[in-house]
C-alpha atoms as a PDB file:
ATOM      1  CA  MET A   1      97.654 100.337  67.941  1.00  0.00           C
ATOM      2  CA  PHE A   2      97.735  98.572  71.318  1.00  0.00           C
ATOM      3  CA  VAL A   3      94.888  99.448  73.687  1.00  0.00           C
ATOM      4  CA  PRO A   4      96.000  98.900  77.314  1.00  0.00           C
ATOM      5  CA  ILE A   5      94.049  96.262  79.218  1.00  0.00           C
ATOM      6  CA  PRO A   6      93.785  95.635  82.969  1.00  0.00           C
ATOM      7  CA  LEU A   7      96.439  93.305  84.352  1.00  0.00           C
ATOM      8  CA  ASN A   8      96.527  91.016  87.369  1.00  0.00           C
ATOM      9  CA  LEU A   9      98.830  93.477  89.159  1.00  0.00           C
ATOM     10  CA  PRO A  10      98.135  96.482  91.381  1.00  0.00           C
ATOM     11  CA  ASN A  11      97.111  99.575  89.459  1.00  0.00           C
ATOM     12  CA  CYS A  12      99.852 102.004  88.575  1.00  0.00           C
ATOM     13  CA  VAL A  13      99.962 105.332  86.821  1.00  0.00           C
ATOM     14  CA  LEU A  14     102.158 105.255  83.749  1.00  0.00           C
ATOM     15  CA  LYS A  15     103.037 108.331  81.718  1.00  0.00           C
ATOM     16  CA  LEU A  16     101.329 107.728  78.377  1.00  0.00           C
ATOM     17  CA  THR A  17     101.341 110.059  75.383  1.00  0.00           C
ATOM     18  CA  LYS A  18      99.556 109.659  72.077  1.00  0.00           C
ATOM     19  CA  GLY A  19     101.408 109.828  68.782  1.00  0.00           C
ATOM     20  CA  GLU A  20      99.949 109.816  65.282  1.00  0.00           C
ATOM     21  CA  ASN A  21      99.881 106.042  64.936  1.00  0.00           C
ATOM     22  CA  CYS A  22     100.786 104.764  68.387  1.00  0.00           C
ATOM     23  CA  THR A  23     100.887 105.387  72.110  1.00  0.00           C
ATOM     24  CA  TYR A  24     104.143 105.964  73.987  1.00  0.00           C
ATOM     25  CA  VAL A  25     105.015 105.101  77.571  1.00  0.00           C
ATOM     26  CA  TYR A  26     107.743 106.868  79.517  1.00  0.00           C
ATOM     27  CA  ASP A  27     110.246 104.353  80.855  1.00  0.00           C
ATOM     28  CA  GLU A  28     111.637 105.673  84.147  1.00  0.00           C
ATOM     29  CA  LEU A  29     114.587 103.277  84.066  1.00  0.00           C
ATOM     30  CA  ARG A  30     115.797 104.209  80.587  1.00  0.00           C
ATOM     31  CA  LYS A  31     114.561 107.808  80.898  1.00  0.00           C
ATOM     32  CA  LYS A  32     112.867 107.861  77.497  1.00  0.00           C
ATOM     33  CA  LYS A  33     109.572 107.356  75.697  1.00  0.00           C
ATOM     34  CA  LEU A  34     108.975 103.934  74.150  1.00  0.00           C
ATOM     35  CA  VAL A  35     106.280 102.658  71.844  1.00  0.00           C
ATOM     36  CA  LEU A  36     103.665 101.046  74.055  1.00  0.00           C
ATOM     37  CA  THR A  37     103.470  97.393  73.048  1.00  0.00           C
ATOM     38  CA  PRO A  38     101.562  94.737  74.972  1.00  0.00           C
ATOM     39  CA  GLU A  39     104.836  93.330  76.361  1.00  0.00           C
ATOM     40  CA  GLU A  40     106.041  96.816  77.369  1.00  0.00           C
ATOM     41  CA  TRP A  41     102.713  97.381  79.152  1.00  0.00           C
ATOM     42  CA  VAL A  42     103.402  94.258  81.242  1.00  0.00           C
ATOM     43  CA  ARG A  43     107.065  95.167  81.851  1.00  0.00           C
ATOM     44  CA  GLN A  44     106.267  98.712  83.028  1.00  0.00           C
ATOM     45  CA  HIS A  45     103.621  97.417  85.435  1.00  0.00           C
ATOM     46  CA  TRP A  46     106.099  94.910  86.827  1.00  0.00           C
ATOM     47  CA  ILE A  47     108.786  97.569  87.294  1.00  0.00           C
ATOM     48  CA  HIS A  48     106.285  99.649  89.245  1.00  0.00           C
ATOM     49  CA  TYR A  49     105.140  96.639  91.306  1.00  0.00           C
ATOM     50  CA  LEU A  50     108.685  95.467  92.075  1.00  0.00           C
ATOM     51  CA  HIS A  51     109.748  98.936  93.152  1.00  0.00           C
ATOM     52  CA  THR A  52     106.607 100.068  94.998  1.00  0.00           C
ATOM     53  CA  HIS A  53     105.388  96.839  96.595  1.00  0.00           C
ATOM     54  CA  LYS A  54     108.473  94.615  96.832  1.00  0.00           C
ATOM     55  CA  LYS A  55     111.002  97.438  97.417  1.00  0.00           C
ATOM     56  CA  TYR A  56     113.434  96.503  94.630  1.00  0.00           C
ATOM     57  CA  PRO A  57     115.451  99.686  93.946  1.00  0.00           C
ATOM     58  CA  LYS A  58     115.087 101.042  90.419  1.00  0.00           C
ATOM     59  CA  SER A  59     118.800 101.788  90.421  1.00  0.00           C
ATOM     60  CA  LEU A  60     119.478  98.013  90.565  1.00  0.00           C
ATOM     61  CA  MET A  61     117.159  97.148  87.658  1.00  0.00           C
ATOM     62  CA  GLN A  62     118.435  96.640  84.115  1.00  0.00           C
ATOM     63  CA  ILE A  63     116.114  96.341  81.135  1.00  0.00           C
ATOM     64  CA  GLU A  64     117.045  94.200  78.153  1.00  0.00           C
ATOM     65  CA  GLY A  65     120.453  93.134  79.387  1.00  0.00           C
ATOM     66  CA  GLY A  66     122.385  91.632  76.497  1.00  0.00           C
ATOM     67  CA  LEU A  67     123.690  88.090  76.474  1.00  0.00           C
ATOM     68  CA  THR A  68     125.126  85.651  73.965  1.00  0.00           C
ATOM     69  CA  LEU A  69     123.468  82.240  73.729  1.00  0.00           C
ATOM     70  CA  ASN A  70     124.833  79.693  71.244  1.00  0.00           C
ATOM     71  CA  SER A  71     126.600  82.558  69.436  1.00  0.00           C
ATOM     72  CA  LEU A  72     123.279  84.443  69.077  1.00  0.00           C
ATOM     73  CA  LYS A  73     122.732  87.864  70.638  1.00  0.00           C
ATOM     74  CA  LYS A  74     119.687  87.847  72.942  1.00  0.00           C
ATOM     75  CA  ARG A  75     118.151  90.315  75.388  1.00  0.00           C
ATOM     76  CA  SER A  76     116.612  89.459  78.725  1.00  0.00           C
ATOM     77  CA  ASP A  77     113.528  91.493  79.677  1.00  0.00           C
ATOM     78  CA  LEU A  78     114.612  92.519  83.170  1.00  0.00           C
ATOM     79  CA  LEU A  79     117.613  91.810  85.392  1.00  0.00           C
ATOM     80  CA  ILE A  80     117.823  92.890  89.019  1.00  0.00           C
ATOM     81  CA  TYR A  81     121.011  93.078  91.050  1.00  0.00           C
ATOM     82  CA  ASP A  82     121.641  93.135  94.786  1.00  0.00           C
ATOM     83  CA  THR A  83     123.600  95.953  96.422  1.00  0.00           C
ATOM     84  CA  ALA A  84     126.850  93.986  96.008  1.00  0.00           C
ATOM     85  CA  GLY A  85     126.327  93.842  92.232  1.00  0.00           C
ATOM     86  CA  SER A  86     125.291  90.182  91.972  1.00  0.00           C
ATOM     87  CA  LYS A  87     122.358  89.253  89.721  1.00  0.00           C
ATOM     88  CA  ILE A  88     119.455  88.092  91.885  1.00  0.00           C
ATOM     89  CA  LEU A  89     116.366  88.098  89.642  1.00  0.00           C
ATOM     90  CA  LEU A  90     115.755  87.394  85.962  1.00  0.00           C
ATOM     91  CA  ALA A  91     112.334  88.198  84.499  1.00  0.00           C
ATOM     92  CA  GLU A  92     110.718  87.264  81.212  1.00  0.00           C
ATOM     93  CA  PHE A  93     107.570  89.112  80.169  1.00  0.00           C
ATOM     94  CA  LYS A  94     105.027  88.261  77.513  1.00  0.00           C
ATOM     95  CA  ALA A  95     102.007  90.111  76.163  1.00  0.00           C
ATOM     96  CA  PRO A  96      98.766  89.459  78.072  1.00  0.00           C
ATOM     97  CA  THR A  97      97.397  87.489  75.114  1.00  0.00           C
ATOM     98  CA  VAL A  98     100.416  85.145  75.043  1.00  0.00           C
ATOM     99  CA  LYS A  99      99.859  82.003  77.067  1.00  0.00           C
ATOM    100  CA  ILE A 100     102.701  81.103  79.413  1.00  0.00           C
ATOM    101  CA  SER A 101     103.924  77.775  78.102  1.00  0.00           C
ATOM    102  CA  GLU A 102     106.785  75.328  78.306  1.00  0.00           C
ATOM    103  CA  LYS A 103     108.402  77.349  75.499  1.00  0.00           C
ATOM    104  CA  THR A 104     108.399  80.433  77.759  1.00  0.00           C
ATOM    105  CA  PHE A 105     110.069  78.509  80.570  1.00  0.00           C
ATOM    106  CA  SER A 106     112.607  77.065  78.122  1.00  0.00           C
ATOM    107  CA  GLN A 107     113.441  80.589  76.959  1.00  0.00           C
ATOM    108  CA  ILE A 108     114.154  81.903  80.465  1.00  0.00           C
ATOM    109  CA  ALA A 109     115.986  78.681  81.401  1.00  0.00           C
ATOM    110  CA  ASN A 110     118.245  79.094  78.364  1.00  0.00           C
ATOM    111  CA  TYR A 111     118.944  82.723  79.289  1.00  0.00           C
ATOM    112  CA  ASN A 112     119.693  81.597  82.811  1.00  0.00           C
ATOM    113  CA  LYS A 113     122.340  79.144  81.567  1.00  0.00           C
ATOM    114  CA  VAL A 114     124.322  82.320  80.838  1.00  0.00           C
ATOM    115  CA  HIS A 115     123.275  84.441  83.836  1.00  0.00           C
ATOM    116  CA  LYS A 116     123.010  81.774  86.582  1.00  0.00           C
ATOM    117  CA  ILE A 117     120.493  83.763  88.627  1.00  0.00           C
ATOM    118  CA  PRO A 118     118.725  82.119  91.604  1.00  0.00           C
ATOM    119  CA  LEU A 119     115.287  83.766  91.237  1.00  0.00           C
ATOM    120  CA  LEU A 120     113.188  83.657  88.057  1.00  0.00           C
ATOM    121  CA  LEU A 121     109.959  85.479  87.226  1.00  0.00           C
ATOM    122  CA  VAL A 122     107.741  84.738  84.219  1.00  0.00           C
ATOM    123  CA  SER A 123     104.580  86.760  83.593  1.00  0.00           C
ATOM    124  CA  ASN A 124     102.161  87.865  80.900  1.00  0.00           C
ATOM    125  CA  GLY A 125     100.570  90.331  83.313  1.00  0.00           C
ATOM    126  CA  ILE A 126      97.696  87.924  83.984  1.00  0.00           C
ATOM    127  CA  GLU A 127      99.554  84.781  85.076  1.00  0.00           C
ATOM    128  CA  HIS A 128     102.743  85.007  87.155  1.00  0.00           C
ATOM    129  CA  TYR A 129     105.260  82.295  88.005  1.00  0.00           C
ATOM    130  CA  TYR A 130     108.236  82.515  90.361  1.00  0.00           C
ATOM    131  CA  CYS A 131     110.881  79.933  91.065  1.00  0.00           C
ATOM    132  CA  ILE A 132     114.111  79.537  92.996  1.00  0.00           C
ATOM    133  CA  ILE A 133     116.934  77.691  91.279  1.00  0.00           C
ATOM    134  CA  ASN A 134     119.216  75.411  93.285  1.00  0.00           C
ATOM    135  CA  PHE A 135     122.335  75.152  91.135  1.00  0.00           C
ATOM    136  CA  GLU A 136     124.016  72.546  93.357  1.00  0.00           C
ATOM    137  CA  ARG A 137     121.093  70.113  93.156  1.00  0.00           C
ATOM    138  CA  GLU A 138     120.251  71.215  89.595  1.00  0.00           C
ATOM    139  CA  ASP A 139     116.577  71.674  90.390  1.00  0.00           C
ATOM    140  CA  PHE A 140     114.044  74.412  91.055  1.00  0.00           C
ATOM    141  CA  THR A 141     111.109  75.133  93.336  1.00  0.00           C
ATOM    142  CA  PHE A 142     108.064  77.186  92.376  1.00  0.00           C
ATOM    143  CA  LEU A 143     107.100  79.877  94.878  1.00  0.00           C
ATOM    144  CA  ASP A 144     103.615  81.124  95.740  1.00  0.00           C
ATOM    145  CA  GLU A 145     104.829  84.702  96.020  1.00  0.00           C
ATOM    146  CA  LEU A 146     107.802  86.719  94.851  1.00  0.00           C
ATOM    147  CA  PRO A 147     110.136  87.540  97.763  1.00  0.00           C
ATOM    148  CA  ALA A 148     110.627  91.162  98.776  1.00  0.00           C
ATOM    149  CA  PHE A 149     114.035  92.711  98.020  1.00  0.00           C
ATOM    150  CA  GLN A 150     115.250  92.783 101.623  1.00  0.00           C
ATOM    151  CA  SER A 151     114.512  89.075 102.097  1.00  0.00           C
ATOM    152  CA  ILE A 152     116.863  88.019  99.278  1.00  0.00           C
ATOM    153  CA  ASN A 153     119.472  90.767  99.515  1.00  0.00           C
ATOM    154  CA  PRO A 154     121.802  90.057 102.457  1.00  0.00           C
ATOM    155  CA  ASN A 155     123.330  93.548 102.280  1.00  0.00           C
ATOM    156  CA  VAL A 156     120.156  95.499 103.160  1.00  0.00           C
END
């Protein structure tokens, strides 16, 4: 059974309930209880942070959006849309014990070949990386901080 650990994110109160063999967390986006895994712990903290501190509306967040990559079905951890319905942020989360590596960046880059989203977020809850993709120049720039919703959404 996963025992929650402190993350390098602002504290948040998650609705946790104990089962016989596991702990559940209530996911406010999907409106249901989920088994609390280390990766889900990170994802739920990020959802709270994005909504509370960066003002990304929960109504524009999609968890585990499906995609097909090389004829394989995959799921991205979190997609965020702007108010016009365009995808603006793709996030990949790992458990706190998983080191962010080149493999992690390759995974999100491969997903982004399908999505073509300008802002990427990779985090294990301890380390966080953000980058802006320039599709015309076919390059990217790492950012020191994740932009707030209103700064990247022209319709707000």
